[in-house]
Amino acid sequence: MREAFQFEVLQTQHEEIKQKLLSLQSELQFKDAEMNELRTRLQNCERNKLVTQTVLTPRKSTQPPSSRTTQEETAPLVSLQEAQKLAITGLNLIAMDEGLSEGSPTESRREFLHFTRCKIRGAVHLLPLVEHHIGAYCQAAPLADKSANGSCGNHSAVPSSTNTVSSKEDFRLSLEETTLISLGILYYLAFYSWDVVHTLLSAEVEKSSAAGDEQVSTMDKNGSCDNQCDNKEDTRAHGGLPVAPEDTPNNSQAQCSLFKKLLQVLAFSAARGSQTDSILNQSLKVLVKLAENSTMDLLMNFQHLLSSRILLCCLCPETPLPAALLTVRLLSVLAQHHKLVAQLCSRSDTCLLLALYVYITSRPDKSASETLWLQLEQETVRLLTRCMRCPTPAVLLPGSDCQCHLEVVKTLIIMLHRQWMKIRRSETSLCASKERIIQFLRDAVLLLHSLSQKDKLFHEHCLEVLHQYDQAMPGIRAILKKTQKLSACEELILDELYPSEPEAEDQGMDSS
């Protein structure tokens, strides 16, 4: 009976997703018409007429082939009308695919989820239309920034230019809204369809194995977020959009181009800062879902992203906490592959782990809630634990000249102290997040012990935060012994990290 009820609930959710996709498709078609109107208004601006025509209507360009831009050469192979027809076909297939008629109400929830995530017919047919709108953003957003900056710097502009600026702003807002909708559709497609995940990632894996290490640094060579963390204002002023890795000769351009555009959107929104927070968050959500639903082999597709500086920008102090949390969540998924773990530490000032530690200890986003900070710290412990379980966890072990090896112990102790203080300050022992905090304390203590076993200079690395360590560990030890069913091994770990002191334990238990 219970399984039948779960089955009905999941079937209802499945139908809701279908309706949402249909609704989003209708909204995209409406945005198409709106964008066409705004496009016409933009083309009347003498200053940007030729540029706008080149970017927004590349196939109708009268320029000779030799003068075509890189964006025109890598334009989607299908026209907008063809993409719309494909999307309608895909939506019809999704709508007709009841999916549950073949199964019985006694099927397990796991089998149902496997069906909904792997056998949605027509999902890949929506990708060309999604790519069209995301590609339009990749091409037009940098030019919109340049145009806006040029208008602001032109003090001799006539009053009539106000209408032009307003028109461009309307166009930019419409473009960003359409991009958000497209990214939202892509998220649901990646969530429910294995075919979509495979289509986006498989071609890149084949190319990376064929091209070797030459492509790994291509995004850096082409300016993908280079020095953006230090010079975000300069990046915004120039409006430069990072270029994705160049293609090697192959016949699978249509398969991988959408993924490359997704990385471009991420790079551009990370560089622009607060102006595109929503697009930054949605791009990261899509990447997290792609990584979560991919195989180990397909995870290797993300090595180009790790080799670039895009994610480093996502961990800069200017980045809002929600985006930083999604970035760490993505790194945590990628850390399941031992080859990707090695790329987390670059042994330089571009080290992702070092940037993460600095972000956690400084807490730059003052508007974020304590609950969100707890989620970030939980995800960080999960990431570091996966790194420790790697066959060769070199990124966390001492002996390297990278500063991150010195900061990891310090950061863990600071996180432990903060969460212990939060429990101690709570007026009631039944605070909403107490169970999550206690679980975090347990996981962080186990990780700290693992580091202490491999770091011969562990106590020296604790010196900067020795006061917090001595203050928090007795209370944490008491809380865990009181609230958790600890194994004999875990009891021994607590004793090794901090020997038992009866008075301290009593004090810690009272505070809990």
Protein backbone atom coordinates (compact mmCIF):
# COMPACT_ATOMS: atom_id res chain seq x y z
CA MET A 1 0.00 0.00 0.00
CA ARG A 2 2.82 2.35 0.89
CA GLU A 3 4.63 1.62 -2.37
CA ALA A 4 1.45 2.30 -4.32
CA PHE A 5 1.10 5.66 -2.58
CA GLN A 6 4.73 6.57 -3.35
CA PHE A 7 4.15 5.48 -6.93
CA GLU A 8 1.15 7.81 -7.27
CA VAL A 9 3.08 10.73 -5.74
CA LEU A 10 5.99 10.24 -8.12
CA GLN A 11 3.63 9.92 -11.07
CA THR A 12 2.05 13.24 -10.10
CA GLN A 13 5.48 14.86 -9.87
CA HIS A 14 6.32 13.47 -13.29
CA GLU A 15 3.21 15.07 -14.78
CA GLU A 16 4.04 18.38 -13.09
CA ILE A 17 7.46 18.38 -14.73
CA LYS A 18 5.84 17.82 -18.13
CA GLN A 19 3.54 20.76 -17.58
CA LYS A 20 6.43 22.93 -16.45
CA LEU A 21 8.41 22.10 -19.57
CA LEU A 22 5.42 22.97 -21.75
CA SER A 23 4.97 26.23 -19.88
CA LEU A 24 8.64 27.12 -20.20
CA GLN A 25 8.54 26.37 -23.92
CA SER A 26 5.61 28.74 -24.37
CA GLU A 27 7.46 31.39 -22.42
CA LEU A 28 10.53 30.94 -24.61
CA GLN A 29 8.42 31.43 -27.75
CA PHE A 30 7.00 34.61 -26.26
CA LYS A 31 10.51 35.80 -25.49
CA ASP A 32 11.51 35.12 -29.09
CA ALA A 33 8.93 37.60 -30.30
CA GLU A 34 9.94 40.11 -27.66
CA MET A 35 13.61 39.78 -28.55
CA ASN A 36 12.84 40.30 -32.24
CA GLU A 37 11.12 43.57 -31.42
CA LEU A 38 13.99 44.74 -29.24
CA ARG A 39 16.46 43.63 -31.87
CA THR A 40 14.81 45.90 -34.42
CA ARG A 41 15.00 48.84 -32.03
CA LEU A 42 18.66 48.18 -31.40
CA GLN A 43 19.47 48.09 -35.09
CA ASN A 44 18.24 51.67 -35.37
CA CYS A 45 21.05 52.86 -33.12
CA GLU A 46 23.64 54.20 -35.56
CA ARG A 47 26.51 53.62 -33.19
CA ASN A 48 25.94 49.90 -32.83
CA LYS A 49 24.01 49.08 -35.98
CA LEU A 50 26.65 47.03 -37.78
CA VAL A 51 27.83 45.26 -34.62
CA THR A 52 24.33 44.28 -33.57
CA GLN A 53 23.47 42.93 -37.04
CA THR A 54 26.65 40.85 -37.07
CA VAL A 55 26.04 39.27 -33.66
CA LEU A 56 22.31 38.74 -33.66
CA THR A 57 21.82 37.72 -37.32
CA PRO A 58 25.11 36.05 -38.32
CA ARG A 59 23.65 33.89 -41.07
CA LYS A 60 22.20 36.89 -42.92
CA SER A 61 25.49 38.75 -42.96
CA THR A 62 26.55 40.18 -46.32
CA GLN A 63 30.22 40.03 -45.39
CA PRO A 64 32.47 37.68 -47.37
CA PRO A 65 33.35 34.37 -45.66
CA SER A 66 36.90 35.50 -44.96
CA SER A 67 35.66 38.29 -42.67
CA ARG A 68 33.36 36.22 -40.55
CA THR A 69 33.99 36.27 -36.84
CA THR A 70 34.77 33.31 -34.62
CA GLN A 71 31.25 33.50 -33.21
CA GLU A 72 29.78 33.16 -36.70
CA GLU A 73 31.96 30.16 -37.50
CA THR A 74 30.84 28.35 -34.34
CA ALA A 75 27.16 29.28 -34.67
CA PRO A 76 24.60 26.49 -34.18
CA LEU A 77 24.12 24.27 -37.20
CA VAL A 78 20.35 24.56 -37.09
CA SER A 79 18.30 27.69 -37.53
CA LEU A 80 15.97 29.05 -34.88
CA GLN A 81 12.91 27.76 -36.72
CA GLU A 82 14.40 24.29 -37.00
CA ALA A 83 15.30 24.37 -33.31
CA GLN A 84 11.74 25.35 -32.43
CA LYS A 85 10.35 22.52 -34.54
CA LEU A 86 12.69 20.05 -32.85
CA ALA A 87 11.65 21.36 -29.44
CA ILE A 88 7.97 20.94 -30.26
CA THR A 89 8.66 17.40 -31.43
CA GLY A 90 10.52 16.71 -28.20
CA LEU A 91 7.71 18.14 -26.07
CA ASN A 92 5.17 16.01 -27.92
CA LEU A 93 7.26 12.92 -27.24
CA ILE A 94 7.54 13.84 -23.57
CA ALA A 95 3.80 14.50 -23.32
CA MET A 96 2.93 11.20 -24.99
CA ASP A 97 5.38 9.24 -22.87
CA GLU A 98 3.21 8.17 -19.95
CA GLY A 99 6.06 5.97 -18.88
CA LEU A 100 4.13 4.17 -16.17
CA SER A 101 1.84 1.99 -18.24
CA GLU A 102 4.51 -0.67 -18.55
CA GLY A 103 5.07 -0.96 -14.83
CA SER A 104 2.96 -2.10 -11.92
CA PRO A 105 2.14 -0.17 -8.71
CA THR A 106 4.44 -2.53 -6.82
CA GLU A 107 7.54 -1.31 -8.63
CA SER A 108 10.11 0.17 -6.32
CA ARG A 109 10.76 3.88 -6.11
CA ARG A 110 14.28 3.31 -7.32
CA GLU A 111 13.07 1.65 -10.52
CA PHE A 112 10.66 4.51 -11.16
CA LEU A 113 13.37 7.14 -10.74
CA HIS A 114 15.65 5.14 -13.02
CA PHE A 115 12.90 5.15 -15.64
CA THR A 116 12.14 8.85 -15.39
CA ARG A 117 15.80 9.84 -15.47
CA CYS A 118 16.95 7.55 -18.26
CA LYS A 119 14.08 6.92 -20.66
CA ILE A 120 12.47 10.28 -21.35
CA ARG A 121 12.02 10.31 -25.09
CA GLY A 122 12.48 13.60 -26.85
CA ALA A 123 14.49 15.37 -24.14
CA VAL A 124 17.52 15.83 -26.39
CA HIS A 125 15.31 17.51 -29.00
CA LEU A 126 14.99 20.53 -26.71
CA LEU A 127 18.75 21.10 -26.59
CA PRO A 128 19.11 23.03 -29.90
CA LEU A 129 16.56 25.64 -28.81
CA VAL A 130 18.17 25.95 -25.38
CA GLU A 131 21.55 26.31 -27.06
CA HIS A 132 20.23 29.03 -29.36
CA HIS A 133 19.18 31.25 -26.48
CA ILE A 134 22.27 30.57 -24.38
CA GLY A 135 24.43 31.21 -27.43
CA ALA A 136 22.66 34.52 -28.04
CA TYR A 137 23.61 35.57 -24.52
CA CYS A 138 27.23 34.51 -25.04
CA GLN A 139 27.46 36.67 -28.16
CA ALA A 140 25.42 39.71 -27.17
CA ALA A 141 26.22 40.19 -23.48
CA PRO A 142 29.86 41.33 -23.91
CA LEU A 143 28.86 43.77 -26.66
CA ALA A 144 26.03 45.09 -24.50
CA ASP A 145 28.57 45.77 -21.74
CA LYS A 146 30.95 47.53 -24.11
CA SER A 147 28.14 49.62 -25.54
CA ALA A 148 26.88 50.57 -22.08
CA ASN A 149 30.35 51.57 -20.91
CA GLY A 150 30.89 53.59 -24.08
CA SER A 151 27.62 55.44 -23.58
CA CYS A 152 28.49 56.23 -19.96
CA GLY A 153 31.86 57.64 -20.98
CA ASN A 154 30.47 59.87 -23.73
CA HIS A 155 29.74 63.09 -21.83
CA SER A 156 28.89 64.98 -25.02
CA ALA A 157 26.02 62.68 -25.90
CA VAL A 158 22.80 64.42 -26.85
CA PRO A 159 19.70 64.01 -24.66
CA SER A 160 18.06 61.81 -27.28
CA SER A 161 20.59 59.10 -26.46
CA THR A 162 18.60 58.40 -23.29
CA ASN A 163 16.09 56.44 -25.33
CA THR A 164 18.91 54.44 -26.89
CA VAL A 165 20.38 53.57 -23.49
CA SER A 166 16.94 52.59 -22.23
CA SER A 167 16.40 50.39 -25.27
CA LYS A 168 19.71 48.63 -24.72
CA GLU A 169 18.91 48.11 -21.05
CA ASP A 170 15.56 46.59 -21.97
CA PHE A 171 17.30 44.31 -24.43
CA ARG A 172 19.86 43.24 -21.82
CA LEU A 173 17.19 42.47 -19.22
CA SER A 174 15.16 40.49 -21.76
CA LEU A 175 18.27 38.60 -22.81
CA GLU A 176 19.15 37.70 -19.21
CA GLU A 177 15.59 36.63 -18.44
CA THR A 178 15.51 34.36 -21.49
CA THR A 179 18.89 32.92 -20.52
CA LEU A 180 17.64 32.15 -17.02
CA ILE A 181 14.63 30.33 -18.45
CA SER A 182 16.86 28.37 -20.82
CA LEU A 183 19.21 27.39 -17.99
CA GLY A 184 16.20 26.33 -15.92
CA ILE A 185 15.02 24.05 -18.72
CA LEU A 186 18.52 22.64 -19.11
CA TYR A 187 18.62 21.88 -15.38
CA TYR A 188 15.43 19.82 -15.54
CA LEU A 189 16.61 18.04 -18.68
CA ALA A 190 19.89 17.13 -16.98
CA PHE A 191 17.99 16.03 -13.87
CA TYR A 192 15.64 13.64 -15.65
CA SER A 193 17.42 12.52 -18.81
CA TRP A 194 20.57 10.47 -18.98
CA ASP A 195 20.62 11.02 -22.74
CA VAL A 196 20.97 14.76 -22.18
CA VAL A 197 23.86 14.28 -19.75
CA HIS A 198 25.59 11.91 -22.14
CA THR A 199 25.04 14.23 -25.12
CA LEU A 200 26.56 17.19 -23.33
CA LEU A 201 29.58 15.39 -21.91
CA SER A 202 30.53 12.37 -24.01
CA ALA A 203 31.96 14.25 -26.99
CA GLU A 204 34.22 16.29 -24.75
CA VAL A 205 35.63 13.17 -23.13
CA GLU A 206 36.52 11.73 -26.53
CA LYS A 207 38.21 14.97 -27.57
CA SER A 208 40.14 15.34 -24.34
CA SER A 209 41.61 11.87 -24.67
CA ALA A 210 42.58 12.58 -28.27
CA ALA A 211 43.98 16.05 -27.76
CA GLY A 212 45.98 15.28 -24.63
CA ASP A 213 47.10 18.01 -22.33
CA GLU A 214 47.23 20.74 -24.99
CA GLN A 215 43.61 21.71 -24.49
CA VAL A 216 43.78 21.81 -20.71
CA SER A 217 45.34 25.25 -20.68
CA THR A 218 43.45 26.64 -23.69
CA MET A 219 40.86 28.43 -21.61
CA ASP A 220 43.60 30.23 -19.70
CA LYS A 221 45.41 31.13 -22.94
CA ASN A 222 42.23 32.58 -24.37
CA GLY A 223 41.60 34.73 -21.32
CA SER A 224 39.04 32.74 -19.36
CA CYS A 225 38.79 34.68 -16.13
CA ASP A 226 42.51 35.49 -16.10
CA ASN A 227 43.17 37.71 -13.11
CA GLN A 228 39.42 38.38 -12.77
CA CYS A 229 39.48 37.85 -9.05
CA ASP A 230 42.03 40.67 -8.72
CA ASN A 231 40.66 42.91 -11.48
CA LYS A 232 36.90 42.44 -11.66
CA GLU A 233 36.30 46.10 -12.40
CA ASP A 234 38.65 45.96 -15.38
CA THR A 235 36.87 42.89 -16.68
CA ARG A 236 33.50 44.55 -16.44
CA ALA A 237 34.82 47.62 -18.19
CA HIS A 238 36.11 45.67 -21.16
CA GLY A 239 33.23 43.20 -21.17
CA GLY A 240 35.40 40.35 -22.37
CA LEU A 241 33.77 36.94 -22.62
CA PRO A 242 36.17 34.02 -22.04
CA VAL A 243 36.63 31.72 -24.98
CA ALA A 244 36.02 28.01 -24.55
CA PRO A 245 38.65 25.44 -25.57
CA GLU A 246 39.10 25.23 -29.31
CA ASP A 247 37.66 22.26 -31.10
CA THR A 248 39.80 19.54 -32.53
CA PRO A 249 38.67 18.27 -35.93
CA ASN A 250 35.67 16.03 -35.31
CA ASN A 251 32.08 15.48 -36.31
CA SER A 252 30.54 16.06 -32.87
CA GLN A 253 30.52 19.86 -32.67
CA ALA A 254 26.77 19.98 -32.08
CA GLN A 255 27.11 17.61 -29.14
CA CYS A 256 29.66 19.59 -27.16
CA SER A 257 28.94 23.19 -28.17
CA LEU A 258 26.15 23.65 -25.62
CA PHE A 259 28.41 22.55 -22.78
CA LYS A 260 31.06 25.00 -23.95
CA LYS A 261 28.50 27.80 -24.06
CA LEU A 262 27.44 26.88 -20.54
CA LEU A 263 31.04 27.36 -19.37
CA GLN A 264 31.17 30.69 -21.20
CA VAL A 265 28.03 31.88 -19.41
CA LEU A 266 29.51 30.78 -16.08
CA ALA A 267 32.79 32.59 -16.78
CA PHE A 268 31.10 35.78 -17.87
CA SER A 269 28.64 35.91 -14.97
CA ALA A 270 31.40 35.14 -12.45
CA ALA A 271 33.50 37.99 -13.83
CA ARG A 272 30.68 40.52 -13.78
CA GLY A 273 29.87 39.98 -10.11
CA SER A 274 26.54 40.99 -8.59
CA GLN A 275 25.01 42.08 -11.90
CA THR A 276 24.37 38.49 -12.91
CA ASP A 277 24.03 36.59 -9.63
CA SER A 278 20.95 34.70 -10.82
CA ILE A 279 22.63 33.53 -14.01
CA LEU A 280 25.76 32.55 -12.06
CA ASN A 281 23.74 30.47 -9.61
CA GLN A 282 21.66 28.80 -12.32
CA SER A 283 24.75 27.95 -14.37
CA LEU A 284 26.36 26.33 -11.34
CA LYS A 285 23.17 24.38 -10.59
CA VAL A 286 23.20 22.93 -14.10
CA LEU A 287 26.87 21.94 -13.80
CA VAL A 288 26.28 20.34 -10.40
CA LYS A 289 23.38 18.30 -11.78
CA LEU A 290 25.39 17.23 -14.83
CA ALA A 291 28.22 16.09 -12.56
CA GLU A 292 25.89 14.29 -10.15
CA ASN A 293 24.17 12.34 -12.93
CA SER A 294 27.29 11.52 -14.96
CA THR A 295 29.55 8.50 -14.82
CA MET A 296 33.15 8.46 -13.60
CA ASP A 297 34.41 8.58 -17.18
CA LEU A 298 32.23 11.56 -18.04
CA LEU A 299 33.42 13.46 -14.97
CA MET A 300 36.76 13.84 -16.73
CA ASN A 301 35.05 16.34 -19.01
CA PHE A 302 35.28 18.86 -16.17
CA GLN A 303 39.08 18.85 -16.13
CA HIS A 304 39.12 21.86 -18.48
CA LEU A 305 36.93 23.78 -16.04
CA LEU A 306 39.25 22.93 -13.14
CA SER A 307 42.30 23.94 -15.16
CA SER A 308 40.83 27.35 -15.93
CA ARG A 309 40.33 30.12 -13.39
CA ILE A 310 36.57 30.24 -13.67
CA LEU A 311 35.86 28.42 -10.39
CA LEU A 312 38.52 30.50 -8.67
CA CYS A 313 36.41 33.56 -9.49
CA CYS A 314 33.43 31.78 -7.95
CA LEU A 315 35.32 31.61 -4.63
CA CYS A 316 36.50 35.22 -4.59
CA PRO A 317 35.44 37.40 -1.62
CA GLU A 318 33.04 39.32 -3.87
CA THR A 319 31.08 36.16 -4.67
CA PRO A 320 27.77 35.76 -2.77
CA LEU A 321 27.57 32.76 -0.46
CA PRO A 322 24.92 30.86 -2.50
CA ALA A 323 27.24 30.79 -5.53
CA ALA A 324 30.23 29.79 -3.38
CA LEU A 325 28.17 26.96 -1.88
CA LEU A 326 27.21 25.65 -5.32
CA THR A 327 30.86 25.84 -6.37
CA VAL A 328 31.98 23.73 -3.41
CA ARG A 329 29.14 21.31 -4.09
CA LEU A 330 30.42 20.91 -7.65
CA LEU A 331 33.97 20.36 -6.41
CA SER A 332 32.69 17.77 -3.94
CA VAL A 333 31.11 15.77 -6.76
CA LEU A 334 34.19 16.07 -8.96
CA ALA A 335 36.39 14.92 -6.07
CA GLN A 336 35.03 11.41 -6.56
CA HIS A 337 37.51 11.06 -9.44
CA HIS A 338 41.11 10.78 -8.26
CA LYS A 339 42.52 12.56 -11.31
CA LEU A 340 40.30 15.55 -10.72
CA VAL A 341 41.25 15.68 -7.04
CA ALA A 342 44.84 16.39 -8.08
CA GLN A 343 43.68 19.53 -9.90
CA LEU A 344 42.14 21.11 -6.80
CA CYS A 345 45.58 22.33 -5.70
CA SER A 346 47.62 24.18 -8.30
CA ARG A 347 50.50 24.85 -5.86
CA SER A 348 50.21 28.55 -6.64
CA ASP A 349 48.07 31.56 -5.85
CA THR A 350 45.35 30.07 -8.06
CA CYS A 351 44.80 27.11 -5.69
CA LEU A 352 41.08 26.40 -5.35
CA LEU A 353 41.45 24.91 -1.86
CA LEU A 354 43.33 27.95 -0.60
CA ALA A 355 40.65 30.26 -2.01
CA LEU A 356 38.00 28.16 -0.26
CA TYR A 357 39.81 28.29 3.10
CA VAL A 358 40.17 32.07 2.85
CA TYR A 359 36.49 32.42 1.99
CA ILE A 360 35.42 30.31 4.97
CA THR A 361 37.66 31.96 7.55
CA SER A 362 36.87 35.51 6.42
CA ARG A 363 33.13 35.03 5.79
CA PRO A 364 32.93 37.95 3.34
CA ASP A 365 29.19 37.72 2.64
CA LYS A 366 27.80 39.53 5.68
CA SER A 367 24.19 39.24 4.50
CA ALA A 368 24.16 35.42 4.45
CA SER A 369 22.40 33.43 7.14
CA GLU A 370 24.10 31.13 9.65
CA THR A 371 22.20 28.21 8.14
CA LEU A 372 23.76 28.85 4.75
CA TRP A 373 27.22 29.14 6.27
CA LEU A 374 26.68 25.80 8.01
CA GLN A 375 25.78 24.25 4.66
CA LEU A 376 29.00 25.59 3.14
CA GLU A 377 31.07 24.19 6.00
CA GLN A 378 29.31 20.84 5.77
CA GLU A 379 29.98 20.68 2.05
CA THR A 380 33.61 21.63 2.63
CA VAL A 381 34.08 18.79 5.10
CA ARG A 382 32.46 16.42 2.61
CA LEU A 383 34.84 17.64 -0.11
CA LEU A 384 37.94 17.26 2.07
CA THR A 385 36.83 13.84 3.30
CA ARG A 386 36.56 12.64 -0.29
CA CYS A 387 40.01 14.05 -0.96
CA MET A 388 41.38 12.09 2.00
CA ARG A 389 39.82 8.88 0.69
CA CYS A 390 41.59 9.34 -2.62
CA PRO A 391 44.29 6.68 -3.23
CA THR A 392 46.91 9.44 -3.19
CA PRO A 393 45.45 12.37 -1.19
CA ALA A 394 48.40 14.62 -1.96
CA VAL A 395 46.27 17.76 -2.05
CA LEU A 396 45.73 17.61 1.73
CA LEU A 397 49.08 16.26 2.88
CA PRO A 398 52.03 18.37 4.05
CA GLY A 399 55.25 18.59 2.12
CA SER A 400 54.16 20.93 -0.64
CA ASP A 401 55.04 24.59 -0.94
CA CYS A 402 51.36 25.50 -1.37
CA GLN A 403 49.86 27.53 1.43
CA CYS A 404 46.69 25.42 1.43
CA HIS A 405 48.51 22.61 3.26
CA LEU A 406 49.11 24.95 6.18
CA GLU A 407 45.60 26.39 6.15
CA VAL A 408 43.51 23.22 6.12
CA VAL A 409 44.02 22.37 9.82
CA LYS A 410 43.50 25.98 10.84
CA THR A 411 40.28 26.21 8.82
CA LEU A 412 38.87 23.00 10.28
CA ILE A 413 39.50 24.17 13.84
CA ILE A 414 37.89 27.55 13.15
CA MET A 415 34.80 25.83 11.72
CA LEU A 416 34.59 23.47 14.70
CA HIS A 417 34.89 26.35 17.15
CA ARG A 418 32.20 28.39 15.40
CA GLN A 419 29.65 25.60 15.37
CA TRP A 420 30.42 24.60 18.95
CA MET A 421 29.87 28.21 20.02
CA LYS A 422 26.58 28.24 18.16
CA ILE A 423 25.32 25.24 20.13
CA ARG A 424 26.60 26.70 23.37
CA ARG A 425 24.85 30.03 22.77
CA SER A 426 21.52 28.47 21.85
CA GLU A 427 18.89 29.04 24.51
CA THR A 428 17.16 25.73 23.89
CA SER A 429 18.65 22.32 23.22
CA LEU A 430 16.02 21.77 20.51
CA CYS A 431 17.17 24.41 18.05
CA ALA A 432 16.21 23.65 14.47
CA SER A 433 19.72 23.05 13.17
CA LYS A 434 21.23 21.35 16.20
CA GLU A 435 21.18 17.84 14.74
CA ARG A 436 22.90 19.06 11.59
CA ILE A 437 25.51 20.90 13.63
CA ILE A 438 26.23 17.82 15.73
CA GLN A 439 26.62 15.70 12.60
CA PHE A 440 28.97 18.34 11.22
CA LEU A 441 31.04 18.25 14.42
CA ARG A 442 31.35 14.48 14.17
CA ASP A 443 32.41 14.51 10.52
CA ALA A 444 34.86 17.38 11.04
CA VAL A 445 36.46 15.69 14.06
CA LEU A 446 37.00 12.47 12.08
CA LEU A 447 38.58 14.47 9.26
CA LEU A 448 40.78 16.40 11.68
CA HIS A 449 42.00 13.13 13.18
CA SER A 450 42.86 11.76 9.74
CA LEU A 451 44.92 14.86 9.05
CA SER A 452 46.65 14.61 12.43
CA GLN A 453 47.76 11.06 11.62
CA LYS A 454 49.40 12.13 8.36
CA ASP A 455 50.80 15.50 9.40
CA LYS A 456 53.93 15.25 11.56
CA LEU A 457 53.71 18.99 12.23
CA PHE A 458 50.04 18.89 13.17
CA HIS A 459 50.51 20.59 16.54
CA GLU A 460 52.60 23.34 14.97
CA HIS A 461 49.88 23.96 12.41
CA CYS A 462 47.42 24.35 15.30
CA LEU A 463 49.41 27.08 17.04
CA GLU A 464 47.57 30.00 15.43
CA VAL A 465 44.23 28.64 16.58
CA LEU A 466 45.39 26.77 19.67
CA HIS A 467 43.12 28.83 21.91
CA GLN A 468 40.04 27.90 19.88
CA TYR A 469 41.16 24.27 19.80
CA ASP A 470 41.61 24.05 23.58
CA GLN A 471 38.34 25.86 24.14
CA ALA A 472 36.16 23.84 21.77
CA MET A 473 37.48 20.27 21.85
CA PRO A 474 36.43 19.37 25.43
CA GLY A 475 32.89 20.61 24.77
CA ILE A 476 32.72 18.91 21.37
CA ARG A 477 33.96 15.68 22.93
CA ALA A 478 31.26 15.83 25.58
CA ILE A 479 28.49 16.69 23.10
CA LEU A 480 29.38 13.83 20.78
CA LYS A 481 29.56 11.31 23.60
CA LYS A 482 26.20 12.45 24.89
CA THR A 483 24.26 12.68 21.63
CA GLN A 484 25.97 10.23 19.25
CA LYS A 485 26.30 6.48 19.39
CA LEU A 486 30.04 6.40 18.94
CA SER A 487 31.96 3.28 18.04
CA ALA A 488 35.01 2.20 20.01
CA CYS A 489 37.18 3.52 17.21
CA GLU A 490 35.51 6.93 17.33
CA GLU A 491 35.90 7.03 21.11
CA LEU A 492 39.62 6.38 20.64
CA ILE A 493 39.83 9.14 18.03
CA LEU A 494 38.37 11.66 20.47
CA ASP A 495 40.82 10.55 23.14
CA GLU A 496 43.75 10.96 20.77
CA LEU A 497 42.68 14.40 19.63
CA TYR A 498 42.01 15.63 23.15
CA PRO A 499 42.54 13.53 26.29
CA SER A 500 39.57 13.21 28.58
CA GLU A 501 39.19 15.78 31.35
CA PRO A 502 36.15 15.13 33.57
CA GLU A 503 35.57 18.78 34.49
CA ALA A 504 35.75 19.87 30.88
CA GLU A 505 33.34 17.13 29.83
CA ASP A 506 30.82 18.16 32.48
CA GLN A 507 31.04 21.75 31.29
CA GLY A 508 30.56 20.73 27.66
CA MET A 509 27.56 18.54 28.46
CA ASP A 510 25.94 21.34 30.42
CA SER A 511 26.31 23.69 27.46
CA SER A 512 24.62 21.16 25.18
